[in-house]
Amino acid sequence: MNKKIIIAIDGYSSTGKSTVARQLAKKLGYIYVDTGAMYRAVTLYAMKQGYIGSDHFYKEALENSLPLIHIKFEVNPKTGLAEVVLNDKNVEKEIRTLGVSRLVSPVAAVSKVRKKLVEQQQLMGKDKGIVMDGRDIGTVVFPDAELKLFMTATAKDRAERRYKELVERGDKVTYEDVLKNVVNRDHIDSTRKDSPLRKAEGAIQIDNSNLTLDEQFQQILDLAQNTIG
């Protein structure tokens, strides 16, 4: 496998994009970048500064603060996985809460936020050998990626997976709240003006409603290996 490629994985929330992208990168010896985590980190910053809440969003204040937001990924030596660091603090656990999930889509819809993060993401992929997942990787960040995937599943299946994940982590949530969040994020992500969620030209759709994690991974690994040649 001497030829390195860019693998762009887009799709709806809670379709397991990050899990399969992480597995794939590890198997191929590629770098993995979770772009959703970057938007979550910006959202967490905005929440802590009081710029966004359930009943308000001071968009201009967030835009003015963008030069103060520094995001990077550091590998956890115990797990071998990349974790998000916001302004020198590891926020991997904080960004995964339902509170952040509820507010990340409006933050991700802000053009200046997207511009800042897309520039960072494109720099990360300049040497190829990268697996990146998000909402606009194949359409905006890397439209020339050698392999583009678009992951989907029913809202019900996605909500059930996300609910189980949150409960196992100890979060106190209801299934109804998680389902509402999934449906709401789908709507915001698909209808925003800047880089709406859509299947990229040439992307292969993976509907994992009825696939096990192993079946999904094998299908995607086969596609990657065939593309690499």
Protein backbone atom coordinates (compact mmCIF):
# COMPACT_ATOMS: atom_id res chain seq x y z
CA MET A 1 0.00 0.00 0.00
CA ASN A 2 2.50 2.65 -1.08
CA LYS A 3 -0.05 4.97 -2.70
CA LYS A 4 -1.74 7.21 -0.11
CA ILE A 5 -5.23 8.56 -0.61
CA ILE A 6 -7.76 10.78 1.12
CA ILE A 7 -10.87 9.02 2.42
CA ALA A 8 -13.82 11.36 3.04
CA ILE A 9 -16.71 10.01 5.12
CA ASP A 10 -19.84 12.16 5.33
CA GLY A 11 -23.30 11.42 6.65
CA TYR A 12 -25.99 12.03 9.21
CA SER A 13 -25.37 12.30 12.95
CA SER A 14 -25.01 9.04 14.90
CA THR A 15 -24.41 6.85 11.85
CA GLY A 16 -21.12 5.61 13.32
CA LYS A 17 -18.94 7.70 10.98
CA SER A 18 -16.32 8.39 13.63
CA THR A 19 -16.14 4.78 14.81
CA VAL A 20 -15.60 3.34 11.35
CA ALA A 21 -13.24 6.17 10.31
CA ARG A 22 -11.11 5.56 13.41
CA GLN A 23 -11.01 1.78 12.74
CA LEU A 24 -10.17 2.33 9.10
CA ALA A 25 -7.34 4.76 9.83
CA LYS A 26 -5.83 2.34 12.35
CA LYS A 27 -6.03 -0.59 9.91
CA LEU A 28 -4.48 1.41 7.03
CA GLY A 29 -1.92 3.26 9.17
CA TYR A 30 -3.55 6.56 8.20
CA ILE A 31 -4.21 9.71 10.24
CA TYR A 32 -7.78 10.05 11.51
CA VAL A 33 -9.46 13.44 11.88
CA ASP A 34 -12.90 13.77 13.52
CA THR A 35 -14.11 17.11 12.15
CA GLY A 36 -17.35 16.86 14.11
CA ALA A 37 -15.24 16.97 17.27
CA MET A 38 -13.73 20.26 16.07
CA TYR A 39 -17.20 21.82 15.73
CA ARG A 40 -18.14 20.39 19.12
CA ALA A 41 -15.03 22.02 20.64
CA VAL A 42 -16.04 25.42 19.22
CA THR A 43 -19.56 24.84 20.61
CA LEU A 44 -18.17 23.99 24.06
CA TYR A 45 -16.09 27.19 23.98
CA ALA A 46 -19.19 29.22 23.04
CA MET A 47 -21.20 27.60 25.85
CA LYS A 48 -18.51 28.32 28.45
CA GLN A 49 -18.29 31.95 27.31
CA GLY A 50 -22.08 32.31 27.50
CA TYR A 51 -22.36 32.98 23.77
CA ILE A 52 -24.89 30.19 23.21
CA GLY A 53 -27.59 28.49 25.22
CA SER A 54 -31.01 26.95 24.71
CA ASP A 55 -32.60 30.41 24.32
CA HIS A 56 -29.84 32.61 22.88
CA PHE A 57 -26.93 32.68 20.42
CA TYR A 58 -24.61 35.69 20.24
CA LYS A 59 -23.14 34.77 16.88
CA GLU A 60 -21.07 37.93 16.43
CA ALA A 61 -19.41 37.45 19.82
CA LEU A 62 -18.38 33.94 18.79
CA GLU A 63 -17.10 35.15 15.41
CA ASN A 64 -14.98 37.80 17.13
CA SER A 65 -13.52 35.16 19.45
CA LEU A 66 -12.44 32.74 16.72
CA PRO A 67 -8.76 33.84 16.85
CA LEU A 68 -8.74 32.78 20.53
CA ILE A 69 -9.91 29.22 19.78
CA HIS A 70 -7.11 26.71 19.24
CA ILE A 71 -7.99 23.08 18.53
CA LYS A 72 -5.63 20.16 18.11
CA PHE A 73 -5.67 16.38 18.42
CA GLU A 74 -3.42 14.46 20.81
CA VAL A 75 -3.08 10.68 20.97
CA ASN A 76 -4.09 9.15 24.31
CA PRO A 77 -1.16 6.82 25.14
CA LYS A 78 -3.49 4.38 26.95
CA THR A 79 -6.04 3.95 24.14
CA GLY A 80 -3.95 4.93 21.12
CA LEU A 81 -6.84 7.15 19.98
CA ALA A 82 -6.72 10.84 19.06
CA GLU A 83 -8.52 13.13 21.54
CA VAL A 84 -9.54 16.76 21.22
CA VAL A 85 -7.59 19.48 22.97
CA LEU A 86 -9.19 22.94 23.20
CA ASN A 87 -6.87 25.77 24.23
CA ASP A 88 -4.46 23.26 25.84
CA LYS A 89 -7.19 21.39 27.78
CA ASN A 90 -8.35 17.87 26.90
CA VAL A 91 -12.12 18.19 26.33
CA GLU A 92 -12.80 14.80 24.73
CA LYS A 93 -15.41 13.80 27.32
CA GLU A 94 -17.01 17.27 27.67
CA ILE A 95 -17.72 17.62 23.95
CA ARG A 96 -19.63 14.31 23.76
CA THR A 97 -22.52 15.34 26.05
CA LEU A 98 -26.11 15.78 24.86
CA GLY A 99 -25.85 19.45 25.94
CA VAL A 100 -23.18 20.05 23.29
CA SER A 101 -25.08 17.88 20.77
CA ARG A 102 -28.14 20.13 21.14
CA LEU A 103 -26.17 23.27 20.22
CA VAL A 104 -23.51 22.10 17.76
CA SER A 105 -25.59 22.38 14.56
CA PRO A 106 -26.31 26.16 14.86
CA VAL A 107 -22.62 26.77 15.62
CA ALA A 108 -21.57 24.62 12.64
CA ALA A 109 -23.90 26.65 10.41
CA VAL A 110 -21.88 29.85 11.01
CA SER A 111 -19.87 30.60 7.84
CA LYS A 112 -16.86 32.11 9.67
CA VAL A 113 -16.62 29.06 11.93
CA ARG A 114 -16.74 26.72 8.92
CA LYS A 115 -14.14 28.77 7.04
CA LYS A 116 -11.69 28.63 9.96
CA LEU A 117 -12.08 24.89 10.51
CA VAL A 118 -12.11 23.94 6.81
CA GLU A 119 -8.75 25.71 6.35
CA GLN A 120 -7.30 23.71 9.26
CA GLN A 121 -8.75 20.45 7.90
CA GLN A 122 -7.32 21.02 4.41
CA LEU A 123 -3.87 21.59 5.91
CA MET A 124 -4.16 18.31 7.82
CA GLY A 125 -4.78 16.46 4.55
CA LYS A 126 -2.09 18.03 2.41
CA ASP A 127 0.13 14.91 2.53
CA LYS A 128 -2.80 12.50 2.05
CA GLY A 129 -2.93 9.24 4.01
CA ILE A 130 -5.89 10.60 5.96
CA VAL A 131 -9.40 9.48 6.92
CA MET A 132 -11.69 12.41 7.73
CA ASP A 133 -15.34 12.32 8.70
CA GLY A 134 -17.96 15.03 9.00
CA ARG A 135 -20.78 16.65 7.05
CA ASP A 136 -18.98 18.39 4.19
CA ILE A 137 -15.71 16.50 3.68
CA GLY A 138 -16.48 15.16 0.20
CA THR A 139 -18.38 18.27 -0.90
CA VAL A 140 -16.23 21.13 0.46
CA VAL A 141 -13.07 20.09 2.32
CA PHE A 142 -11.80 17.43 -0.11
CA PRO A 143 -14.02 17.37 -3.24
CA ASP A 144 -11.18 15.52 -5.05
CA ALA A 145 -10.83 12.77 -2.41
CA GLU A 146 -10.09 9.42 -4.01
CA LEU A 147 -12.75 7.64 -1.91
CA LYS A 148 -15.95 9.37 -0.77
CA LEU A 149 -18.54 7.64 1.39
CA PHE A 150 -21.96 8.84 2.54
CA MET A 151 -23.37 7.09 5.61
CA THR A 152 -27.03 6.96 6.48
CA ALA A 153 -29.51 5.03 8.65
CA THR A 154 -33.05 5.62 9.91
CA ALA A 155 -33.47 8.28 12.61
CA LYS A 156 -34.88 5.59 14.93
CA ASP A 157 -31.82 3.34 14.52
CA ARG A 158 -29.44 6.23 15.01
CA ALA A 159 -31.26 7.49 18.12
CA GLU A 160 -31.23 4.00 19.66
CA ARG A 161 -27.45 3.71 19.12
CA ARG A 162 -26.76 7.18 20.50
CA TYR A 163 -29.04 6.63 23.52
CA LYS A 164 -27.31 3.36 24.39
CA GLU A 165 -23.89 5.01 24.03
CA LEU A 166 -24.83 7.91 26.35
CA VAL A 167 -26.43 5.66 28.98
CA GLU A 168 -23.42 3.33 29.00
CA ARG A 169 -21.23 6.37 29.63
CA GLY A 170 -23.35 7.34 32.64
CA ASP A 171 -25.28 10.27 31.14
CA LYS A 172 -28.86 10.74 32.35
CA VAL A 173 -30.88 11.08 29.14
CA THR A 174 -34.20 9.88 27.75
CA TYR A 175 -34.62 8.12 24.40
CA GLU A 176 -37.23 10.73 23.40
CA ASP A 177 -34.73 13.57 23.94
CA VAL A 178 -32.06 11.76 21.93
CA LEU A 179 -34.47 11.06 19.04
CA LYS A 180 -35.61 14.69 19.04
CA ASN A 181 -31.96 15.81 18.93
CA VAL A 182 -31.17 13.49 15.99
CA VAL A 183 -34.17 14.71 13.95
CA ASN A 184 -33.44 18.36 14.77
CA ARG A 185 -29.77 18.05 13.78
CA ASP A 186 -30.74 16.37 10.50
CA HIS A 187 -32.97 19.31 9.67
CA ILE A 188 -30.40 22.01 10.55
CA ASP A 189 -27.50 20.18 8.86
CA SER A 190 -29.46 19.57 5.65
CA THR A 191 -31.00 23.03 5.30
CA ARG A 192 -28.19 25.41 6.35
CA LYS A 193 -27.01 27.86 3.68
CA ASP A 194 -23.29 27.19 4.08
CA SER A 195 -22.15 23.66 3.10
CA PRO A 196 -25.39 21.78 3.77
CA LEU A 197 -25.18 18.05 4.39
CA ARG A 198 -25.60 16.24 1.09
CA LYS A 199 -24.14 13.26 -0.71
CA ALA A 200 -21.02 14.31 -2.63
CA GLU A 201 -20.71 13.65 -6.33
CA GLY A 202 -19.18 10.19 -6.76
CA ALA A 203 -19.78 9.19 -3.14
CA ILE A 204 -20.78 5.62 -2.31
CA GLN A 205 -23.80 5.44 0.00
CA ILE A 206 -23.64 3.07 2.98
CA ASP A 207 -26.99 2.46 4.72
CA ASN A 208 -26.05 0.75 7.96
CA SER A 209 -29.57 0.42 9.42
CA ASN A 210 -29.29 -3.37 9.16
CA LEU A 211 -25.53 -3.88 9.20
CA THR A 212 -23.46 -5.05 12.17
CA LEU A 213 -20.37 -2.98 12.99
CA ASP A 214 -18.17 -5.77 11.63
CA GLU A 215 -20.13 -6.02 8.35
CA GLN A 216 -20.00 -2.26 7.89
CA PHE A 217 -16.26 -2.10 8.59
CA GLN A 218 -15.46 -4.96 6.20
CA GLN A 219 -17.51 -3.36 3.42
CA ILE A 220 -15.73 -0.03 3.84
CA LEU A 221 -12.27 -1.61 4.24
CA ASP A 222 -12.78 -3.51 0.96
CA LEU A 223 -13.70 -0.25 -0.81
CA ALA A 224 -10.63 1.48 0.62
CA GLN A 225 -8.22 -1.32 -0.31
CA ASN A 226 -9.65 -1.53 -3.84
CA THR A 227 -9.21 2.25 -4.24
CA ILE A 228 -5.65 2.19 -2.91
CA GLY A 229 -4.86 -0.69 -5.25
